[in-house]
C-alpha atoms as a PDB file:
ATOM      1  CA  MET A   1       0.097  -0.032   0.056  1.00  0.00           C
ATOM      2  CA  PRO A   2       1.497   3.319  -0.981  1.00  0.00           C
ATOM      3  CA  ASP A   3       2.444   5.773   1.851  1.00  0.00           C
ATOM      4  CA  LEU A   4       1.384   9.349   2.298  1.00  0.00           C
ATOM      5  CA  GLN A   5       4.467  10.790   0.558  1.00  0.00           C
ATOM      6  CA  THR A   6       3.955   8.556  -2.588  1.00  0.00           C
ATOM      7  CA  LEU A   7       0.376   9.569  -2.737  1.00  0.00           C
ATOM      8  CA  ARG A   8       1.180  13.182  -2.526  1.00  0.00           C
ATOM      9  CA  TYR A   9       3.858  12.828  -5.261  1.00  0.00           C
ATOM     10  CA  GLY A  10       1.499  11.323  -7.530  1.00  0.00           C
ATOM     11  CA  LEU A  11      -1.274  13.756  -6.981  1.00  0.00           C
ATOM     12  CA  ARG A  12       1.373  16.502  -7.434  1.00  0.00           C
ATOM     13  CA  ARG A  13       2.434  14.986 -10.644  1.00  0.00           C
ATOM     14  CA  SER A  14      -1.061  14.904 -11.937  1.00  0.00           C
ATOM     15  CA  VAL A  15      -1.954  18.494 -10.865  1.00  0.00           C
ATOM     16  CA  THR A  16       1.255  19.600 -12.712  1.00  0.00           C
ATOM     17  CA  LYS A  17       0.576  18.052 -16.001  1.00  0.00           C
ATOM     18  CA  TRP A  18      -3.181  18.662 -16.253  1.00  0.00           C
ATOM     19  CA  PHE A  19      -3.620  21.937 -14.503  1.00  0.00           C
ATOM     20  CA  GLU A  20      -0.590  23.804 -13.516  1.00  0.00           C
ATOM     21  CA  ARG A  21       1.220  23.985 -16.785  1.00  0.00           C
ATOM     22  CA  PRO A  22      -1.649  25.083 -18.961  1.00  0.00           C
ATOM     23  CA  ALA A  23      -2.762  27.513 -16.347  1.00  0.00           C
ATOM     24  CA  VAL A  24       0.936  28.907 -16.120  1.00  0.00           C
ATOM     25  CA  ALA A  25       0.975  29.218 -19.910  1.00  0.00           C
ATOM     26  CA  VAL A  26      -2.164  31.297 -19.950  1.00  0.00           C
ATOM     27  CA  LEU A  27      -1.031  33.786 -17.007  1.00  0.00           C
ATOM     28  CA  ILE A  28       2.308  34.219 -18.760  1.00  0.00           C
ATOM     29  CA  ALA A  29       0.570  35.097 -21.948  1.00  0.00           C
ATOM     30  CA  LEU A  30      -1.491  37.577 -19.926  1.00  0.00           C
ATOM     31  CA  LYS A  31       1.807  39.128 -18.699  1.00  0.00           C
ATOM     32  CA  VAL A  32       1.234  38.121 -15.088  1.00  0.00           C
ATOM     33  CA  SER A  33       4.398  38.112 -13.115  1.00  0.00           C
ATOM     34  CA  PRO A  34       5.381  35.571 -10.233  1.00  0.00           C
ATOM     35  CA  ASN A  35       5.012  38.314  -7.659  1.00  0.00           C
ATOM     36  CA  GLY A  36       1.838  39.606  -9.318  1.00  0.00           C
ATOM     37  CA  ALA A  37       0.237  36.063  -8.995  1.00  0.00           C
ATOM     38  CA  THR A  38       1.337  36.088  -5.299  1.00  0.00           C
ATOM     39  CA  VAL A  39      -0.203  39.440  -4.600  1.00  0.00           C
ATOM     40  CA  ILE A  40      -3.479  38.418  -6.430  1.00  0.00           C
ATOM     41  CA  GLY A  41      -3.479  35.258  -4.370  1.00  0.00           C
ATOM     42  CA  LEU A  42      -3.146  37.411  -1.023  1.00  0.00           C
ATOM     43  CA  MET A  43      -5.835  39.965  -2.126  1.00  0.00           C
ATOM     44  CA  ILE A  44      -8.364  37.168  -2.947  1.00  0.00           C
ATOM     45  CA  ALA A  45      -7.619  35.494   0.420  1.00  0.00           C
ATOM     46  CA  LEU A  46      -8.335  38.917   2.189  1.00  0.00           C
ATOM     47  CA  VAL A  47     -11.695  39.259   0.448  1.00  0.00           C
ATOM     48  CA  ALA A  48     -12.407  35.514   1.331  1.00  0.00           C
ATOM     49  CA  ALA A  49     -11.859  36.348   4.869  1.00  0.00           C
ATOM     50  CA  TYR A  50     -14.261  39.019   4.892  1.00  0.00           C
ATOM     51  CA  PHE A  51     -16.997  37.159   3.443  1.00  0.00           C
ATOM     52  CA  VAL A  52     -16.379  34.317   5.857  1.00  0.00           C
ATOM     53  CA  SER A  53     -16.514  36.703   8.768  1.00  0.00           C
ATOM     54  CA  GLU A  54     -19.918  37.730   7.476  1.00  0.00           C
ATOM     55  CA  GLY A  55     -21.062  34.253   7.271  1.00  0.00           C
ATOM     56  CA  ASP A  56     -21.079  33.730   3.564  1.00  0.00           C
ATOM     57  CA  PHE A  57     -19.219  30.536   3.579  1.00  0.00           C
ATOM     58  CA  LEU A  58     -20.024  29.364   0.008  1.00  0.00           C
ATOM     59  CA  LEU A  59     -18.534  32.278  -1.564  1.00  0.00           C
ATOM     60  CA  GLY A  60     -15.677  32.371   0.879  1.00  0.00           C
ATOM     61  CA  GLY A  61     -14.736  28.860   0.308  1.00  0.00           C
ATOM     62  CA  VAL A  62     -14.800  29.431  -3.482  1.00  0.00           C
ATOM     63  CA  LEU A  63     -12.490  32.479  -3.094  1.00  0.00           C
ATOM     64  CA  VAL A  64     -10.119  30.594  -1.019  1.00  0.00           C
ATOM     65  CA  LEU A  65      -9.753  27.933  -3.604  1.00  0.00           C
ATOM     66  CA  VAL A  66      -9.276  30.670  -6.290  1.00  0.00           C
ATOM     67  CA  GLY A  67      -6.712  32.332  -3.994  1.00  0.00           C
ATOM     68  CA  ALA A  68      -4.839  29.049  -3.321  1.00  0.00           C
ATOM     69  CA  THR A  69      -4.721  28.445  -7.145  1.00  0.00           C
ATOM     70  CA  PHE A  70      -2.881  31.767  -7.804  1.00  0.00           C
ATOM     71  CA  ASP A  71      -0.504  30.613  -4.855  1.00  0.00           C
ATOM     72  CA  LEU A  72       0.169  27.319  -6.645  1.00  0.00           C
ATOM     73  CA  LEU A  73       0.872  28.949  -9.895  1.00  0.00           C
ATOM     74  CA  ASP A  74       3.171  31.671  -8.928  1.00  0.00           C
ATOM     75  CA  GLY A  75       6.294  29.190  -8.489  1.00  0.00           C
ATOM     76  CA  GLY A  76       5.299  27.643 -11.684  1.00  0.00           C
ATOM     77  CA  ILE A  77       5.445  31.096 -13.563  1.00  0.00           C
ATOM     78  CA  ALA A  78       8.769  31.862 -11.866  1.00  0.00           C
ATOM     79  CA  ARG A  79      10.315  28.469 -13.107  1.00  0.00           C
ATOM     80  CA  ALA A  80       8.833  28.748 -16.661  1.00  0.00           C
ATOM     81  CA  THR A  81      10.187  32.416 -17.037  1.00  0.00           C
ATOM     82  CA  ASN A  82      13.584  31.701 -15.425  1.00  0.00           C
ATOM     83  CA  SER A  83      12.842  34.343 -12.691  1.00  0.00           C
ATOM     84  CA  VAL A  84      13.100  32.241  -9.578  1.00  0.00           C
ATOM     85  CA  SER A  85      14.527  34.274  -6.779  1.00  0.00           C
ATOM     86  CA  LYS A  86      15.077  34.267  -3.076  1.00  0.00           C
ATOM     87  CA  ARG A  87      12.986  37.476  -2.663  1.00  0.00           C
ATOM     88  CA  GLY A  88      10.189  35.811  -4.482  1.00  0.00           C
ATOM     89  CA  ALA A  89      10.324  32.776  -2.285  1.00  0.00           C
ATOM     90  CA  LEU A  90      10.289  34.877   0.803  1.00  0.00           C
ATOM     91  CA  THR A  91       7.402  36.913  -0.430  1.00  0.00           C
ATOM     92  CA  ASP A  92       5.462  33.825  -1.330  1.00  0.00           C
ATOM     93  CA  SER A  93       6.152  32.158   1.971  1.00  0.00           C
ATOM     94  CA  VAL A  94       5.124  35.105   4.116  1.00  0.00           C
ATOM     95  CA  PHE A  95       2.091  35.925   2.012  1.00  0.00           C
ATOM     96  CA  ASP A  96       0.933  32.418   2.414  1.00  0.00           C
ATOM     97  CA  ARG A  97       0.871  32.883   6.313  1.00  0.00           C
ATOM     98  CA  VAL A  98      -0.855  36.186   6.118  1.00  0.00           C
ATOM     99  CA  SER A  99      -3.557  34.636   3.879  1.00  0.00           C
ATOM    100  CA  GLU A 100      -4.004  31.798   6.228  1.00  0.00           C
ATOM    101  CA  ILE A 101      -4.088  34.000   9.433  1.00  0.00           C
ATOM    102  CA  ALA A 102      -6.639  36.318   7.690  1.00  0.00           C
ATOM    103  CA  LEU A 103      -8.994  33.497   6.938  1.00  0.00           C
ATOM    104  CA  LEU A 104      -8.796  31.946  10.418  1.00  0.00           C
ATOM    105  CA  ILE A 105      -9.328  35.444  11.953  1.00  0.00           C
ATOM    106  CA  GLY A 106     -12.399  35.882   9.717  1.00  0.00           C
ATOM    107  CA  LEU A 107     -13.813  32.606  11.068  1.00  0.00           C
ATOM    108  CA  GLY A 108     -12.910  33.661  14.705  1.00  0.00           C
ATOM    109  CA  MET A 109     -14.907  37.071  14.058  1.00  0.00           C
ATOM    110  CA  TYR A 110     -17.889  35.220  12.646  1.00  0.00           C
ATOM    111  CA  PHE A 111     -18.199  33.380  16.106  1.00  0.00           C
ATOM    112  CA  THR A 112     -17.692  36.635  18.079  1.00  0.00           C
ATOM    113  CA  SER A 113     -21.274  37.785  17.629  1.00  0.00           C
ATOM    114  CA  GLY A 114     -24.649  36.851  16.391  1.00  0.00           C
ATOM    115  CA  ILE A 115     -26.945  33.778  16.668  1.00  0.00           C
ATOM    116  CA  ASP A 116     -23.948  31.664  16.125  1.00  0.00           C
ATOM    117  CA  ALA A 117     -21.676  33.215  18.669  1.00  0.00           C
ATOM    118  CA  SER A 118     -19.343  30.665  20.269  1.00  0.00           C
ATOM    119  CA  GLN A 119     -16.415  30.907  22.490  1.00  0.00           C
ATOM    120  CA  THR A 120     -15.402  27.496  21.386  1.00  0.00           C
ATOM    121  CA  GLY A 121     -15.214  28.779  17.815  1.00  0.00           C
ATOM    122  CA  VAL A 122     -13.077  31.805  18.683  1.00  0.00           C
ATOM    123  CA  LEU A 123     -10.633  29.661  20.878  1.00  0.00           C
ATOM    124  CA  LEU A 124     -10.307  27.116  18.177  1.00  0.00           C
ATOM    125  CA  ALA A 125      -9.324  29.819  15.604  1.00  0.00           C
ATOM    126  CA  TYR A 126      -6.777  30.978  17.912  1.00  0.00           C
ATOM    127  CA  VAL A 127      -5.383  27.552  18.340  1.00  0.00           C
ATOM    128  CA  ALA A 128      -5.531  26.908  14.500  1.00  0.00           C
ATOM    129  CA  ILE A 129      -3.559  30.125  14.045  1.00  0.00           C
ATOM    130  CA  GLY A 130      -0.904  29.069  16.314  1.00  0.00           C
ATOM    131  CA  GLY A 131      -0.657  25.573  14.980  1.00  0.00           C
ATOM    132  CA  SER A 132      -0.469  26.472  11.607  1.00  0.00           C
ATOM    133  CA  LEU A 133       2.291  28.873  12.208  1.00  0.00           C
ATOM    134  CA  MET A 134       4.086  26.352  14.437  1.00  0.00           C
ATOM    135  CA  VAL A 135       4.014  23.807  11.406  1.00  0.00           C
ATOM    136  CA  SER A 136       5.920  26.383   9.293  1.00  0.00           C
ATOM    137  CA  TYR A 137       8.285  27.477  12.186  1.00  0.00           C
ATOM    138  CA  VAL A 138       9.311  23.903  13.008  1.00  0.00           C
ATOM    139  CA  ARG A 139      10.292  23.287   9.344  1.00  0.00           C
ATOM    140  CA  ALA A 140      12.187  26.615   8.871  1.00  0.00           C
ATOM    141  CA  ARG A 141      13.968  26.015  12.266  1.00  0.00           C
ATOM    142  CA  ALA A 142      14.674  22.428  11.401  1.00  0.00           C
ATOM    143  CA  GLU A 143      16.096  23.337   7.976  1.00  0.00           C
ATOM    144  CA  GLY A 144      18.304  25.884   9.613  1.00  0.00           C
ATOM    145  CA  LEU A 145      19.711  22.886  11.655  1.00  0.00           C
ATOM    146  CA  GLY A 146      20.379  20.693   8.843  1.00  0.00           C
ATOM    147  CA  ALA A 147      17.016  18.621   9.009  1.00  0.00           C
ATOM    148  CA  LYS A 148      14.289  18.357   6.575  1.00  0.00           C
ATOM    149  CA  GLY A 149      11.352  19.188   8.752  1.00  0.00           C
ATOM    150  CA  THR A 150       8.776  18.140   6.346  1.00  0.00           C
ATOM    151  CA  ALA A 151       6.823  15.508   8.387  1.00  0.00           C
ATOM    152  CA  GLY A 152       3.404  15.968   9.402  1.00  0.00           C
ATOM    153  CA  PHE A 153      -0.035  15.421   8.099  1.00  0.00           C
ATOM    154  CA  LEU A 154      -1.640  18.922   7.968  1.00  0.00           C
ATOM    155  CA  THR A 155       0.634  20.764   5.721  1.00  0.00           C
ATOM    156  CA  ARG A 156      -0.774  23.850   3.875  1.00  0.00           C
ATOM    157  CA  PRO A 157      -2.389  21.985   0.884  1.00  0.00           C
ATOM    158  CA  GLU A 158      -4.253  19.696   3.117  1.00  0.00           C
ATOM    159  CA  ARG A 159      -5.338  22.652   5.296  1.00  0.00           C
ATOM    160  CA  ILE A 160      -6.542  24.328   2.146  1.00  0.00           C
ATOM    161  CA  VAL A 161      -8.631  21.358   1.060  1.00  0.00           C
ATOM    162  CA  ILE A 162     -10.176  20.923   4.480  1.00  0.00           C
ATOM    163  CA  THR A 163     -11.027  24.741   4.681  1.00  0.00           C
ATOM    164  CA  VAL A 164     -12.458  24.726   1.205  1.00  0.00           C
ATOM    165  CA  ILE A 165     -14.729  21.615   1.545  1.00  0.00           C
ATOM    166  CA  GLY A 166     -15.831  22.655   5.152  1.00  0.00           C
ATOM    167  CA  LEU A 167     -16.754  26.244   3.979  1.00  0.00           C
ATOM    168  CA  VAL A 168     -18.718  25.103   0.845  1.00  0.00           C
ATOM    169  CA  LEU A 169     -20.494  22.611   2.964  1.00  0.00           C
ATOM    170  CA  GLY A 170     -21.392  25.369   5.507  1.00  0.00           C
ATOM    171  CA  SER A 171     -19.522  23.636   8.273  1.00  0.00           C
ATOM    172  CA  PRO A 172     -17.086  26.279   9.626  1.00  0.00           C
ATOM    173  CA  MET A 173     -17.150  24.829  13.016  1.00  0.00           C
ATOM    174  CA  ALA A 174     -16.006  21.449  11.475  1.00  0.00           C
ATOM    175  CA  VAL A 175     -13.036  23.306   9.908  1.00  0.00           C
ATOM    176  CA  LEU A 176     -12.026  24.933  13.179  1.00  0.00           C
ATOM    177  CA  TRP A 177     -12.151  21.653  14.947  1.00  0.00           C
ATOM    178  CA  ILE A 178     -10.124  19.856  12.469  1.00  0.00           C
ATOM    179  CA  LEU A 179      -7.587  22.642  12.180  1.00  0.00           C
ATOM    180  CA  GLY A 180      -7.515  23.505  16.012  1.00  0.00           C
ATOM    181  CA  ILE A 181      -6.780  19.835  16.969  1.00  0.00           C
ATOM    182  CA  GLY A 182      -4.747  18.796  13.907  1.00  0.00           C
ATOM    183  CA  THR A 183      -2.380  21.613  13.342  1.00  0.00           C
ATOM    184  CA  PRO A 184      -0.674  21.396  16.806  1.00  0.00           C
ATOM    185  CA  LEU A 185      -0.446  17.641  16.509  1.00  0.00           C
ATOM    186  CA  SER A 186       1.125  18.071  13.092  1.00  0.00           C
ATOM    187  CA  ALA A 187       3.520  20.727  14.482  1.00  0.00           C
ATOM    188  CA  ALA A 188       4.344  18.110  17.336  1.00  0.00           C
ATOM    189  CA  TRP A 189       4.882  15.431  14.961  1.00  0.00           C
ATOM    190  CA  ARG A 190       7.175  17.388  12.781  1.00  0.00           C
ATOM    191  CA  PHE A 191       9.090  18.587  15.819  1.00  0.00           C
ATOM    192  CA  VAL A 192       9.904  14.937  17.065  1.00  0.00           C
ATOM    193  CA  ASP A 193      10.776  13.934  13.520  1.00  0.00           C
ATOM    194  CA  ALA A 194      13.232  16.767  13.285  1.00  0.00           C
ATOM    195  CA  TRP A 195      14.530  16.487  16.663  1.00  0.00           C
ATOM    196  CA  ARG A 196      15.311  12.622  15.847  1.00  0.00           C
ATOM    197  CA  ALA A 197      17.007  13.538  12.749  1.00  0.00           C
ATOM    198  CA  ILE A 198      19.237  16.230  14.089  1.00  0.00           C
ATOM    199  CA  GLU A 199      22.677  14.885  15.148  1.00  0.00           C
ATOM    200  CA  THR A 200      23.507  15.480  18.843  1.00  0.00           C
ATOM    201  CA  ASP A 201      26.563  17.488  19.702  1.00  0.00           C
END
């Protein structure tokens, strides 16, 4: 039975072949730069966060998917146009975090008032923000120490899929429960894996 990494690799190859390459070609023809795609993705994510905070989960979920699509394509544009840069990679990574934080803040704001007010929802949003940041931080710190730091089960692609499906189905609390519990556990798993891989002094 294929492991999780093998499944991810196979899915990534299929997405690259049937979607990413054609979409990248279209954006290049439209003169969209890698940084332009990154900024567009962030702007769409901020709009999605607003609609989520207002309880329009279907539109918010669709916008999250569209914004994530631009985030997927910016790297492809950079590679196809030979414009890969460290600044671009930094911008992409930072904007990814801002997009995710904004969306979770939007979910938290939705549960602060109205008929669906829920302290649990707000708390889960806070925990999910912290957990998602820790997943990224553990990887960055581990790589700085010579380890891969890529273990875990709720990386950004999985979090996006969960968020989109949950919002489109009108189940924001389910999204927060999954992310609120899953992201800290994923960060802990990644930490333990990196800790084992780092050589002792």
